[in-house]
Amino acid sequence: MHRIATKPGDLDSERKLENEFFADHQTPADILFISTADTELSGLAQVWGKRFRKKASPTLRLMQANPLQHPDAAEHYADHVLCKARLAIFRLHGGYGYFPHLLDEILHIKSHGAKT
């Protein structure tokens, strides 16, 4: 697996990625599904919309995982969204090599008694 640069800049730059930080616009939900595969996110959104459109159901948030490679984005997402979820599902192609900060944040939350 290779990382392809789609946006200018590097992950460890000192600048804040305010314009690229769409992780901070996501609100907490009962269920989080974070994936690197756009097809998974699209498919789940379609199925969830058809199945639970008119019923009182748990809230679902979907997110493309790649922005969470940045340390600030991972920390912000963990502190404001992830820690409030009842269930979080991650599909991170590349694993720890691509998402070390996010996975460290998940372990930190878990070690402090989170039930997610």
PDB file of N, CA and C in Angstrom:
ATOM      1  N   MET A   1       0.847  -1.172   0.000  1.00  0.00           N
ATOM      2  CA  MET A   1       0.000   0.000   0.000  1.00  0.00           C
ATOM      3  C   MET A   1       0.891   1.234   0.000  1.00  0.00           C
ATOM      4  N   HIS A   2       0.557   2.192  -0.829  1.00  0.00           N
ATOM      5  CA  HIS A   2       1.355   3.406  -0.949  1.00  0.00           C
ATOM      6  C   HIS A   2       0.485   4.618  -0.694  1.00  0.00           C
ATOM      7  N   ARG A   3       1.072   5.593  -0.072  1.00  0.00           N
ATOM      8  CA  ARG A   3       0.367   6.846   0.169  1.00  0.00           C
ATOM      9  C   ARG A   3       0.558   7.742  -1.045  1.00  0.00           C
ATOM     10  N   ILE A   4      -0.521   8.286  -1.556  1.00  0.00           N
ATOM     11  CA  ILE A   4      -0.465   9.185  -2.702  1.00  0.00           C
ATOM     12  C   ILE A   4      -0.834  10.579  -2.215  1.00  0.00           C
ATOM     13  N   ALA A   5      -0.008  11.536  -2.517  1.00  0.00           N
ATOM     14  CA  ALA A   5      -0.280  12.908  -2.091  1.00  0.00           C
ATOM     15  C   ALA A   5      -1.401  13.488  -2.932  1.00  0.00           C
ATOM     16  N   THR A   6      -2.512  13.823  -2.280  1.00  0.00           N
ATOM     17  CA  THR A   6      -3.633  14.432  -2.983  1.00  0.00           C
ATOM     18  C   THR A   6      -3.806  15.892  -2.603  1.00  0.00           C
ATOM     19  N   LYS A   7      -3.169  16.301  -1.518  1.00  0.00           N
ATOM     20  CA  LYS A   7      -3.230  17.691  -1.091  1.00  0.00           C
ATOM     21  C   LYS A   7      -1.816  18.151  -0.781  1.00  0.00           C
ATOM     22  N   PRO A   8      -1.517  19.407  -1.061  1.00  0.00           N
ATOM     23  CA  PRO A   8      -0.178  19.897  -0.757  1.00  0.00           C
ATOM     24  C   PRO A   8       0.064  19.950   0.750  1.00  0.00           C
ATOM     25  N   GLY A   9       1.323  19.870   1.142  1.00  0.00           N
ATOM     26  CA  GLY A   9       1.680  19.937   2.555  1.00  0.00           C
ATOM     27  C   GLY A   9       2.050  18.567   3.075  1.00  0.00           C
ATOM     28  N   ASP A  10       2.582  18.534   4.270  1.00  0.00           N
ATOM     29  CA  ASP A  10       2.893  17.238   4.848  1.00  0.00           C
ATOM     30  C   ASP A  10       2.194  17.103   6.191  1.00  0.00           C
ATOM     31  N   LEU A  11       2.121  15.877   6.674  1.00  0.00           N
ATOM     32  CA  LEU A  11       1.341  15.586   7.871  1.00  0.00           C
ATOM     33  C   LEU A  11       1.916  16.211   9.133  1.00  0.00           C
ATOM     34  N   ASP A  12       3.199  16.447   9.176  1.00  0.00           N
ATOM     35  CA  ASP A  12       3.820  16.939  10.392  1.00  0.00           C
ATOM     36  C   ASP A  12       4.137  18.426  10.350  1.00  0.00           C
ATOM     37  N   SER A  13       3.491  19.141   9.470  1.00  0.00           N
ATOM     38  CA  SER A  13       3.758  20.579   9.389  1.00  0.00           C
ATOM     39  C   SER A  13       3.263  21.273  10.649  1.00  0.00           C
ATOM     40  N   GLU A  14       3.824  22.433  10.930  1.00  0.00           N
ATOM     41  CA  GLU A  14       3.473  23.181  12.128  1.00  0.00           C
ATOM     42  C   GLU A  14       2.152  23.940  11.981  1.00  0.00           C
ATOM     43  N   ARG A  15       1.726  24.156  10.747  1.00  0.00           N
ATOM     44  CA  ARG A  15       0.522  24.960  10.538  1.00  0.00           C
ATOM     45  C   ARG A  15      -0.736  24.181  10.918  1.00  0.00           C
ATOM     46  N   LYS A  16      -1.744  24.885  11.339  1.00  0.00           N
ATOM     47  CA  LYS A  16      -3.035  24.272  11.619  1.00  0.00           C
ATOM     48  C   LYS A  16      -3.751  24.032  10.302  1.00  0.00           C
ATOM     49  N   LEU A  17      -4.455  22.942  10.226  1.00  0.00           N
ATOM     50  CA  LEU A  17      -5.152  22.597   8.992  1.00  0.00           C
ATOM     51  C   LEU A  17      -6.620  22.998   9.079  1.00  0.00           C
ATOM     52  N   GLU A  18      -6.862  24.239   9.459  1.00  0.00           N
ATOM     53  CA  GLU A  18      -8.233  24.672   9.703  1.00  0.00           C
ATOM     54  C   GLU A  18      -9.137  24.466   8.495  1.00  0.00           C
ATOM     55  N   ASN A  19      -8.648  24.763   7.304  1.00  0.00           N
ATOM     56  CA  ASN A  19      -9.477  24.609   6.114  1.00  0.00           C
ATOM     57  C   ASN A  19      -9.652  23.152   5.718  1.00  0.00           C
ATOM     58  N   GLU A  20      -8.719  22.308   6.091  1.00  0.00           N
ATOM     59  CA  GLU A  20      -8.780  20.901   5.735  1.00  0.00           C
ATOM     60  C   GLU A  20      -9.345  20.049   6.866  1.00  0.00           C
ATOM     61  N   PHE A  21      -9.693  20.658   7.965  1.00  0.00           N
ATOM     62  CA  PHE A  21     -10.101  19.986   9.188  1.00  0.00           C
ATOM     63  C   PHE A  21     -11.602  19.756   9.191  1.00  0.00           C
ATOM     64  N   PHE A  22     -12.104  18.858   8.393  1.00  0.00           N
ATOM     65  CA  PHE A  22     -13.540  18.669   8.449  1.00  0.00           C
ATOM     66  C   PHE A  22     -13.934  17.715   9.557  1.00  0.00           C
ATOM     67  N   ALA A  23     -12.968  17.115  10.239  1.00  0.00           N
ATOM     68  CA  ALA A  23     -13.269  16.241  11.369  1.00  0.00           C
ATOM     69  C   ALA A  23     -13.941  17.024  12.493  1.00  0.00           C
ATOM     70  N   ASP A  24     -13.629  18.319  12.616  1.00  0.00           N
ATOM     71  CA  ASP A  24     -14.199  19.083  13.718  1.00  0.00           C
ATOM     72  C   ASP A  24     -15.638  19.501  13.451  1.00  0.00           C
ATOM     73  N   HIS A  25     -16.137  19.255  12.262  1.00  0.00           N
ATOM     74  CA  HIS A  25     -17.518  19.600  11.955  1.00  0.00           C
ATOM     75  C   HIS A  25     -18.465  18.447  12.244  1.00  0.00           C
ATOM     76  N   GLN A  26     -17.936  17.301  12.579  1.00  0.00           N
ATOM     77  CA  GLN A  26     -18.786  16.153  12.837  1.00  0.00           C
ATOM     78  C   GLN A  26     -19.245  16.181  14.291  1.00  0.00           C
ATOM     79  N   THR A  27     -20.532  15.926  14.485  1.00  0.00           N
ATOM     80  CA  THR A  27     -21.088  15.893  15.830  1.00  0.00           C
ATOM     81  C   THR A  27     -21.087  14.460  16.347  1.00  0.00           C
ATOM     82  N   PRO A  28     -21.112  14.280  17.659  1.00  0.00           N
ATOM     83  CA  PRO A  28     -21.145  12.929  18.218  1.00  0.00           C
ATOM     84  C   PRO A  28     -22.405  12.178  17.794  1.00  0.00           C
ATOM     85  N   ALA A  29     -22.310  10.859  17.826  1.00  0.00           N
ATOM     86  CA  ALA A  29     -23.436  10.000  17.468  1.00  0.00           C
ATOM     87  C   ALA A  29     -23.337   8.710  18.267  1.00  0.00           C
ATOM     88  N   ASP A  30     -24.423   7.933  18.232  1.00  0.00           N
ATOM     89  CA  ASP A  30     -24.418   6.636  18.907  1.00  0.00           C
ATOM     90  C   ASP A  30     -23.415   5.689  18.257  1.00  0.00           C
ATOM     91  N   ILE A  31     -23.384   5.686  16.919  1.00  0.00           N
ATOM     92  CA  ILE A  31     -22.529   4.775  16.165  1.00  0.00           C
ATOM     93  C   ILE A  31     -21.637   5.589  15.231  1.00  0.00           C
ATOM     94  N   LEU A  32     -20.346   5.277  15.241  1.00  0.00           N
ATOM     95  CA  LEU A  32     -19.389   5.893  14.320  1.00  0.00           C
ATOM     96  C   LEU A  32     -18.823   4.805  13.424  1.00  0.00           C
ATOM     97  N   PHE A  33     -18.746   5.096  12.141  1.00  0.00           N
ATOM     98  CA  PHE A  33     -18.099   4.180  11.200  1.00  0.00           C
ATOM     99  C   PHE A  33     -17.055   4.983  10.459  1.00  0.00           C
ATOM    100  N   ILE A  34     -15.790   4.670  10.720  1.00  0.00           N
ATOM    101  CA  ILE A  34     -14.671   5.392  10.140  1.00  0.00           C
ATOM    102  C   ILE A  34     -13.914   4.429   9.243  1.00  0.00           C
ATOM    103  N   SER A  35     -13.761   4.786   7.970  1.00  0.00           N
ATOM    104  CA  SER A  35     -13.142   3.874   7.014  1.00  0.00           C
ATOM    105  C   SER A  35     -12.285   4.638   6.013  1.00  0.00           C
ATOM    106  N   THR A  36     -11.279   3.953   5.490  1.00  0.00           N
ATOM    107  CA  THR A  36     -10.482   4.518   4.410  1.00  0.00           C
ATOM    108  C   THR A  36     -11.112   4.236   3.054  1.00  0.00           C
ATOM    109  N   ALA A  37     -12.122   3.377   3.016  1.00  0.00           N
ATOM    110  CA  ALA A  37     -12.753   2.979   1.751  1.00  0.00           C
ATOM    111  C   ALA A  37     -14.041   3.763   1.519  1.00  0.00           C
ATOM    112  N   ASP A  38     -14.023   4.625   0.523  1.00  0.00           N
ATOM    113  CA  ASP A  38     -15.207   5.414   0.192  1.00  0.00           C
ATOM    114  C   ASP A  38     -16.392   4.536  -0.196  1.00  0.00           C
ATOM    115  N   THR A  39     -16.132   3.398  -0.823  1.00  0.00           N
ATOM    116  CA  THR A  39     -17.228   2.514  -1.234  1.00  0.00           C
ATOM    117  C   THR A  39     -17.961   1.952  -0.024  1.00  0.00           C
ATOM    118  N   GLU A  40     -17.247   1.652   1.050  1.00  0.00           N
ATOM    119  CA  GLU A  40     -17.901   1.178   2.270  1.00  0.00           C
ATOM    120  C   GLU A  40     -18.795   2.257   2.858  1.00  0.00           C
ATOM    121  N   LEU A  41     -18.284   3.466   2.900  1.00  0.00           N
ATOM    122  CA  LEU A  41     -19.055   4.574   3.455  1.00  0.00           C
ATOM    123  C   LEU A  41     -20.303   4.845   2.632  1.00  0.00           C
ATOM    124  N   SER A  42     -20.159   4.835   1.322  1.00  0.00           N
ATOM    125  CA  SER A  42     -21.288   5.072   0.430  1.00  0.00           C
ATOM    126  C   SER A  42     -22.340   3.974   0.562  1.00  0.00           C
ATOM    127  N   GLY A  43     -21.891   2.737   0.560  1.00  0.00           N
ATOM    128  CA  GLY A  43     -22.821   1.613   0.678  1.00  0.00           C
ATOM    129  C   GLY A  43     -23.564   1.617   1.996  1.00  0.00           C
ATOM    130  N   LEU A  44     -22.859   1.865   3.086  1.00  0.00           N
ATOM    131  CA  LEU A  44     -23.497   1.903   4.394  1.00  0.00           C
ATOM    132  C   LEU A  44     -24.486   3.059   4.492  1.00  0.00           C
ATOM    133  N   ALA A  45     -24.146   4.197   3.931  1.00  0.00           N
ATOM    134  CA  ALA A  45     -25.057   5.346   3.945  1.00  0.00           C
ATOM    135  C   ALA A  45     -26.355   5.025   3.213  1.00  0.00           C
ATOM    136  N   GLN A  46     -26.254   4.357   2.078  1.00  0.00           N
ATOM    137  CA  GLN A  46     -27.454   3.995   1.320  1.00  0.00           C
ATOM    138  C   GLN A  46     -28.320   3.007   2.082  1.00  0.00           C
ATOM    139  N   VAL A  47     -27.704   1.972   2.614  1.00  0.00           N
ATOM    140  CA  VAL A  47     -28.460   0.954   3.351  1.00  0.00           C
ATOM    141  C   VAL A  47     -29.081   1.546   4.608  1.00  0.00           C
ATOM    142  N   TRP A  48     -28.318   2.309   5.351  1.00  0.00           N
ATOM    143  CA  TRP A  48     -28.820   2.909   6.588  1.00  0.00           C
ATOM    144  C   TRP A  48     -29.989   3.847   6.285  1.00  0.00           C
ATOM    145  N   GLY A  49     -29.862   4.642   5.237  1.00  0.00           N
ATOM    146  CA  GLY A  49     -30.930   5.568   4.871  1.00  0.00           C
ATOM    147  C   GLY A  49     -32.218   4.863   4.495  1.00  0.00           C
ATOM    148  N   LYS A  50     -32.115   3.763   3.779  1.00  0.00           N
ATOM    149  CA  LYS A  50     -33.310   3.006   3.391  1.00  0.00           C
ATOM    150  C   LYS A  50     -33.925   2.286   4.583  1.00  0.00           C
ATOM    151  N   ARG A  51     -33.097   1.725   5.415  1.00  0.00           N
ATOM    152  CA  ARG A  51     -33.579   0.888   6.514  1.00  0.00           C
ATOM    153  C   ARG A  51     -34.128   1.702   7.678  1.00  0.00           C
ATOM    154  N   PHE A  52     -33.499   2.807   8.011  1.00  0.00           N
ATOM    155  CA  PHE A  52     -33.847   3.539   9.227  1.00  0.00           C
ATOM    156  C   PHE A  52     -34.362   4.950   8.972  1.00  0.00           C
ATOM    157  N   ARG A  53     -34.795   5.237   7.778  1.00  0.00           N
ATOM    158  CA  ARG A  53     -35.202   6.598   7.418  1.00  0.00           C
ATOM    159  C   ARG A  53     -36.288   7.161   8.331  1.00  0.00           C
ATOM    160  N   LYS A  54     -37.343   6.414   8.590  1.00  0.00           N
ATOM    161  CA  LYS A  54     -38.485   6.957   9.325  1.00  0.00           C
ATOM    162  C   LYS A  54     -38.602   6.423  10.745  1.00  0.00           C
ATOM    163  N   LYS A  55     -37.693   5.595  11.154  1.00  0.00           N
ATOM    164  CA  LYS A  55     -37.786   4.992  12.477  1.00  0.00           C
ATOM    165  C   LYS A  55     -36.864   5.711  13.455  1.00  0.00           C
ATOM    166  N   ALA A  56     -37.284   5.672  14.718  1.00  0.00           N
ATOM    167  CA  ALA A  56     -36.385   6.174  15.756  1.00  0.00           C
ATOM    168  C   ALA A  56     -35.273   5.148  15.903  1.00  0.00           C
ATOM    169  N   SER A  57     -34.097   5.530  15.538  1.00  0.00           N
ATOM    170  CA  SER A  57     -32.986   4.587  15.543  1.00  0.00           C
ATOM    171  C   SER A  57     -31.746   5.272  16.093  1.00  0.00           C
ATOM    172  N   PRO A  58     -30.727   4.489  16.375  1.00  0.00           N
ATOM    173  CA  PRO A  58     -29.476   5.115  16.816  1.00  0.00           C
ATOM    174  C   PRO A  58     -28.936   6.049  15.731  1.00  0.00           C
ATOM    175  N   THR A  59     -28.265   7.086  16.150  1.00  0.00           N
ATOM    176  CA  THR A  59     -27.666   8.002  15.177  1.00  0.00           C
ATOM    177  C   THR A  59     -26.360   7.412  14.656  1.00  0.00           C
ATOM    178  N   LEU A  60     -26.085   7.681  13.391  1.00  0.00           N
ATOM    179  CA  LEU A  60     -24.902   7.150  12.726  1.00  0.00           C
ATOM    180  C   LEU A  60     -24.117   8.291  12.103  1.00  0.00           C
ATOM    181  N   ARG A  61     -22.802   8.271  12.273  1.00  0.00           N
ATOM    182  CA  ARG A  61     -21.914   9.212  11.603  1.00  0.00           C
ATOM    183  C   ARG A  61     -20.884   8.405  10.831  1.00  0.00           C
ATOM    184  N   LEU A  62     -20.685   8.780   9.587  1.00  0.00           N
ATOM    185  CA  LEU A  62     -19.692   8.146   8.727  1.00  0.00           C
ATOM    186  C   LEU A  62     -18.565   9.140   8.490  1.00  0.00           C
ATOM    187  N   MET A  63     -17.344   8.625   8.413  1.00  0.00           N
ATOM    188  CA  MET A  63     -16.227   9.530   8.152  1.00  0.00           C
ATOM    189  C   MET A  63     -15.139   8.830   7.363  1.00  0.00           C
ATOM    190  N   GLN A  64     -14.605   9.547   6.395  1.00  0.00           N
ATOM    191  CA  GLN A  64     -13.435   9.092   5.650  1.00  0.00           C
ATOM    192  C   GLN A  64     -12.242   9.264   6.595  1.00  0.00           C
ATOM    193  N   ALA A  65     -11.465   8.216   6.769  1.00  0.00           N
ATOM    194  CA  ALA A  65     -10.429   8.194   7.803  1.00  0.00           C
ATOM    195  C   ALA A  65      -9.167   8.977   7.466  1.00  0.00           C
ATOM    196  N   ASN A  66      -8.879   9.216   6.217  1.00  0.00           N
ATOM    197  CA  ASN A  66      -7.587   9.805   5.850  1.00  0.00           C
ATOM    198  C   ASN A  66      -7.258  11.132   6.541  1.00  0.00           C
ATOM    199  N   PRO A  67      -8.211  12.047   6.745  1.00  0.00           N
ATOM    200  CA  PRO A  67      -7.852  13.274   7.472  1.00  0.00           C
ATOM    201  C   PRO A  67      -7.375  13.012   8.900  1.00  0.00           C
ATOM    202  N   LEU A  68      -7.720  11.855   9.451  1.00  0.00           N
ATOM    203  CA  LEU A  68      -7.327  11.538  10.818  1.00  0.00           C
ATOM    204  C   LEU A  68      -5.888  11.043  10.921  1.00  0.00           C
ATOM    205  N   GLN A  69      -5.160  11.060   9.814  1.00  0.00           N
ATOM    206  CA  GLN A  69      -3.730  10.748   9.861  1.00  0.00           C
ATOM    207  C   GLN A  69      -2.952  11.885  10.516  1.00  0.00           C
ATOM    208  N   HIS A  70      -3.479  13.070  10.469  1.00  0.00           N
ATOM    209  CA  HIS A  70      -2.804  14.220  11.069  1.00  0.00           C
ATOM    210  C   HIS A  70      -2.980  14.166  12.591  1.00  0.00           C
ATOM    211  N   PRO A  71      -1.915  14.365  13.354  1.00  0.00           N
ATOM    212  CA  PRO A  71      -2.005  14.266  14.814  1.00  0.00           C
ATOM    213  C   PRO A  71      -3.060  15.172  15.442  1.00  0.00           C
ATOM    214  N   ASP A  72      -3.150  16.420  14.995  1.00  0.00           N
ATOM    215  CA  ASP A  72      -4.142  17.338  15.561  1.00  0.00           C
ATOM    216  C   ASP A  72      -5.558  16.887  15.255  1.00  0.00           C
ATOM    217  N   ALA A  73      -5.783  16.396  14.053  1.00  0.00           N
ATOM    218  CA  ALA A  73      -7.116  15.925  13.672  1.00  0.00           C
ATOM    219  C   ALA A  73      -7.509  14.705  14.490  1.00  0.00           C
ATOM    220  N   ALA A  74      -6.580  13.781  14.680  1.00  0.00           N
ATOM    221  CA  ALA A  74      -6.865  12.574  15.464  1.00  0.00           C
ATOM    222  C   ALA A  74      -7.209  12.925  16.905  1.00  0.00           C
ATOM    223  N   GLU A  75      -6.441  13.826  17.488  1.00  0.00           N
ATOM    224  CA  GLU A  75      -6.692  14.222  18.873  1.00  0.00           C
ATOM    225  C   GLU A  75      -8.033  14.933  19.015  1.00  0.00           C
ATOM    226  N   HIS A  76      -8.306  15.848  18.105  1.00  0.00           N
ATOM    227  CA  HIS A  76      -9.568  16.590  18.153  1.00  0.00           C
ATOM    228  C   HIS A  76     -10.762  15.647  17.989  1.00  0.00           C
ATOM    229  N   TYR A  77     -10.689  14.753  17.025  1.00  0.00           N
ATOM    230  CA  TYR A  77     -11.783  13.813  16.775  1.00  0.00           C
ATOM    231  C   TYR A  77     -12.007  12.907  17.988  1.00  0.00           C
ATOM    232  N   ALA A  78     -10.936  12.419  18.575  1.00  0.00           N
ATOM    233  CA  ALA A  78     -11.056  11.549  19.746  1.00  0.00           C
ATOM    234  C   ALA A  78     -11.692  12.288  20.921  1.00  0.00           C
ATOM    235  N   ASP A  79     -11.268  13.521  21.153  1.00  0.00           N
ATOM    236  CA  ASP A  79     -11.759  14.292  22.295  1.00  0.00           C
ATOM    237  C   ASP A  79     -13.198  14.765  22.143  1.00  0.00           C
ATOM    238  N   HIS A  80     -13.632  15.072  20.923  1.00  0.00           N
ATOM    239  CA  HIS A  80     -14.940  15.689  20.733  1.00  0.00           C
ATOM    240  C   HIS A  80     -16.010  14.772  20.152  1.00  0.00           C
ATOM    241  N   VAL A  81     -15.621  13.704  19.501  1.00  0.00           N
ATOM    242  CA  VAL A  81     -16.605  12.837  18.845  1.00  0.00           C
ATOM    243  C   VAL A  81     -16.501  11.399  19.343  1.00  0.00           C
ATOM    244  N   LEU A  82     -15.329  10.839  19.240  1.00  0.00           N
ATOM    245  CA  LEU A  82     -15.138   9.421  19.539  1.00  0.00           C
ATOM    246  C   LEU A  82     -15.484   9.060  20.979  1.00  0.00           C
ATOM    247  N   CYS A  83     -15.074   9.872  21.927  1.00  0.00           N
ATOM    248  CA  CYS A  83     -15.293   9.544  23.335  1.00  0.00           C
ATOM    249  C   CYS A  83     -16.771   9.564  23.728  1.00  0.00           C
ATOM    250  N   LYS A  84     -17.638  10.116  22.892  1.00  0.00           N
ATOM    251  CA  LYS A  84     -19.067  10.194  23.201  1.00  0.00           C
ATOM    252  C   LYS A  84     -19.894   9.123  22.498  1.00  0.00           C
ATOM    253  N   ALA A  85     -19.266   8.308  21.667  1.00  0.00           N
ATOM    254  CA  ALA A  85     -19.989   7.277  20.907  1.00  0.00           C
ATOM    255  C   ALA A  85     -20.244   6.044  21.765  1.00  0.00           C
ATOM    256  N   ARG A  86     -21.329   5.349  21.447  1.00  0.00           N
ATOM    257  CA  ARG A  86     -21.608   4.072  22.101  1.00  0.00           C
ATOM    258  C   ARG A  86     -20.889   2.931  21.394  1.00  0.00           C
ATOM    259  N   LEU A  87     -20.705   3.061  20.079  1.00  0.00           N
ATOM    260  CA  LEU A  87     -20.037   2.045  19.275  1.00  0.00           C
ATOM    261  C   LEU A  87     -19.225   2.749  18.195  1.00  0.00           C
ATOM    262  N   ALA A  88     -17.976   2.345  18.045  1.00  0.00           N
ATOM    263  CA  ALA A  88     -17.120   2.900  16.992  1.00  0.00           C
ATOM    264  C   ALA A  88     -16.512   1.745  16.208  1.00  0.00           C
ATOM    265  N   ILE A  89     -16.651   1.815  14.893  1.00  0.00           N
ATOM    266  CA  ILE A  89     -16.127   0.783  14.002  1.00  0.00           C
ATOM    267  C   ILE A  89     -15.085   1.444  13.109  1.00  0.00           C
ATOM    268  N   PHE A  90     -13.896   0.861  13.071  1.00  0.00           N
ATOM    269  CA  PHE A  90     -12.800   1.402  12.274  1.00  0.00           C
ATOM    270  C   PHE A  90     -12.372   0.392  11.225  1.00  0.00           C
ATOM    271  N   ARG A  91     -12.192   0.867   9.995  1.00  0.00           N
ATOM    272  CA  ARG A  91     -11.611   0.064   8.905  1.00  0.00           C
ATOM    273  C   ARG A  91     -10.464   0.895   8.355  1.00  0.00           C
ATOM    274  N   LEU A  92      -9.293   0.691   8.912  1.00  0.00           N
ATOM    275  CA  LEU A  92      -8.133   1.518   8.600  1.00  0.00           C
ATOM    276  C   LEU A  92      -7.128   0.720   7.790  1.00  0.00           C
ATOM    277  N   HIS A  93      -7.223   0.804   6.489  1.00  0.00           N
ATOM    278  CA  HIS A  93      -6.258   0.124   5.632  1.00  0.00           C
ATOM    279  C   HIS A  93      -4.895   0.791   5.800  1.00  0.00           C
ATOM    280  N   GLY A  94      -3.914   0.012   6.128  1.00  0.00           N
ATOM    281  CA  GLY A  94      -2.581   0.538   6.398  1.00  0.00           C
ATOM    282  C   GLY A  94      -2.227   0.443   7.866  1.00  0.00           C
ATOM    283  N   GLY A  95      -3.241   0.322   8.727  1.00  0.00           N
ATOM    284  CA  GLY A  95      -3.019   0.099  10.146  1.00  0.00           C
ATOM    285  C   GLY A  95      -2.194   1.160  10.838  1.00  0.00           C
ATOM    286  N   TYR A  96      -1.392   0.708  11.784  1.00  0.00           N
ATOM    287  CA  TYR A  96      -0.622   1.615  12.629  1.00  0.00           C
ATOM    288  C   TYR A  96       0.379   2.447  11.832  1.00  0.00           C
ATOM    289  N   GLY A  97       0.880   1.897  10.752  1.00  0.00           N
ATOM    290  CA  GLY A  97       1.831   2.643   9.933  1.00  0.00           C
ATOM    291  C   GLY A  97       1.251   3.921   9.348  1.00  0.00           C
ATOM    292  N   TYR A  98      -0.042   3.943   9.097  1.00  0.00           N
ATOM    293  CA  TYR A  98      -0.698   5.109   8.509  1.00  0.00           C
ATOM    294  C   TYR A  98      -1.474   5.934   9.532  1.00  0.00           C
ATOM    295  N   PHE A  99      -1.881   5.308  10.631  1.00  0.00           N
ATOM    296  CA  PHE A  99      -2.735   5.987  11.605  1.00  0.00           C
ATOM    297  C   PHE A  99      -2.201   5.865  13.034  1.00  0.00           C
ATOM    298  N   PRO A 100      -0.925   6.121  13.271  1.00  0.00           N
ATOM    299  CA  PRO A 100      -0.394   5.921  14.626  1.00  0.00           C
ATOM    300  C   PRO A 100      -1.039   6.835  15.667  1.00  0.00           C
ATOM    301  N   HIS A 101      -1.292   8.078  15.313  1.00  0.00           N
ATOM    302  CA  HIS A 101      -1.852   9.029  16.273  1.00  0.00           C
ATOM    303  C   HIS A 101      -3.297   8.680  16.607  1.00  0.00           C
ATOM    304  N   LEU A 102      -4.078   8.313  15.622  1.00  0.00           N
ATOM    305  CA  LEU A 102      -5.468   7.931  15.864  1.00  0.00           C
ATOM    306  C   LEU A 102      -5.538   6.680  16.731  1.00  0.00           C
ATOM    307  N   LEU A 103      -4.748   5.674  16.416  1.00  0.00           N
ATOM    308  CA  LEU A 103      -4.777   4.440  17.198  1.00  0.00           C
ATOM    309  C   LEU A 103      -4.280   4.673  18.624  1.00  0.00           C
ATOM    310  N   ASP A 104      -3.312   5.550  18.799  1.00  0.00           N
ATOM    311  CA  ASP A 104      -2.877   5.907  20.150  1.00  0.00           C
ATOM    312  C   ASP A 104      -3.991   6.619  20.917  1.00  0.00           C
ATOM    313  N   GLU A 105      -4.728   7.481  20.245  1.00  0.00           N
ATOM    314  CA  GLU A 105      -5.859   8.164  20.891  1.00  0.00           C
ATOM    315  C   GLU A 105      -6.946   7.167  21.299  1.00  0.00           C
ATOM    316  N   ILE A 106      -7.210   6.194  20.443  1.00  0.00           N
ATOM    317  CA  ILE A 106      -8.208   5.166  20.771  1.00  0.00           C
ATOM    318  C   ILE A 106      -7.767   4.391  22.012  1.00  0.00           C
ATOM    319  N   LEU A 107      -6.508   3.993  22.059  1.00  0.00           N
ATOM    320  CA  LEU A 107      -5.993   3.275  23.234  1.00  0.00           C
ATOM    321  C   LEU A 107      -6.053   4.141  24.485  1.00  0.00           C
ATOM    322  N   HIS A 108      -5.774   5.424  24.336  1.00  0.00           N
ATOM    323  CA  HIS A 108      -5.842   6.345  25.471  1.00  0.00           C
ATOM    324  C   HIS A 108      -7.271   6.432  26.012  1.00  0.00           C
ATOM    325  N   ILE A 109      -8.234   6.583  25.120  1.00  0.00           N
ATOM    326  CA  ILE A 109      -9.636   6.650  25.539  1.00  0.00           C
ATOM    327  C   ILE A 109     -10.036   5.352  26.231  1.00  0.00           C
ATOM    328  N   LYS A 110      -9.662   4.236  25.646  1.00  0.00           N
ATOM    329  CA  LYS A 110     -10.010   2.930  26.202  1.00  0.00           C
ATOM    330  C   LYS A 110      -9.379   2.731  27.580  1.00  0.00           C
ATOM    331  N   SER A 111      -8.144   3.175  27.758  1.00  0.00           N
ATOM    332  CA  SER A 111      -7.458   2.989  29.042  1.00  0.00           C
ATOM    333  C   SER A 111      -8.044   3.855  30.155  1.00  0.00           C
ATOM    334  N   HIS A 112      -8.813   4.865  29.784  1.00  0.00           N
ATOM    335  CA  HIS A 112      -9.440   5.729  30.776  1.00  0.00           C
ATOM    336  C   HIS A 112     -10.904   5.371  31.017  1.00  0.00           C
ATOM    337  N   GLY A 113     -11.265   4.144  30.708  1.00  0.00           N
ATOM    338  CA  GLY A 113     -12.579   3.642  31.086  1.00  0.00           C
ATOM    339  C   GLY A 113     -13.698   3.818  30.089  1.00  0.00           C
ATOM    340  N   ALA A 114     -13.407   4.190  28.864  1.00  0.00           N
ATOM    341  CA  ALA A 114     -14.472   4.326  27.869  1.00  0.00           C
ATOM    342  C   ALA A 114     -15.058   2.958  27.561  1.00  0.00           C
ATOM    343  N   LYS A 115     -16.345   2.919  27.314  1.00  0.00           N
ATOM    344  CA  LYS A 115     -17.012   1.667  26.999  1.00  0.00           C
ATOM    345  C   LYS A 115     -17.202   1.482  25.511  1.00  0.00           C
ATOM    346  N   THR A 116     -16.699   2.422  24.727  1.00  0.00           N
ATOM    347  CA  THR A 116     -16.814   2.322  23.278  1.00  0.00           C
ATOM    348  C   THR A 116     -15.910   1.244  22.759  1.00  0.00           C
TER     349      THR A 116
END
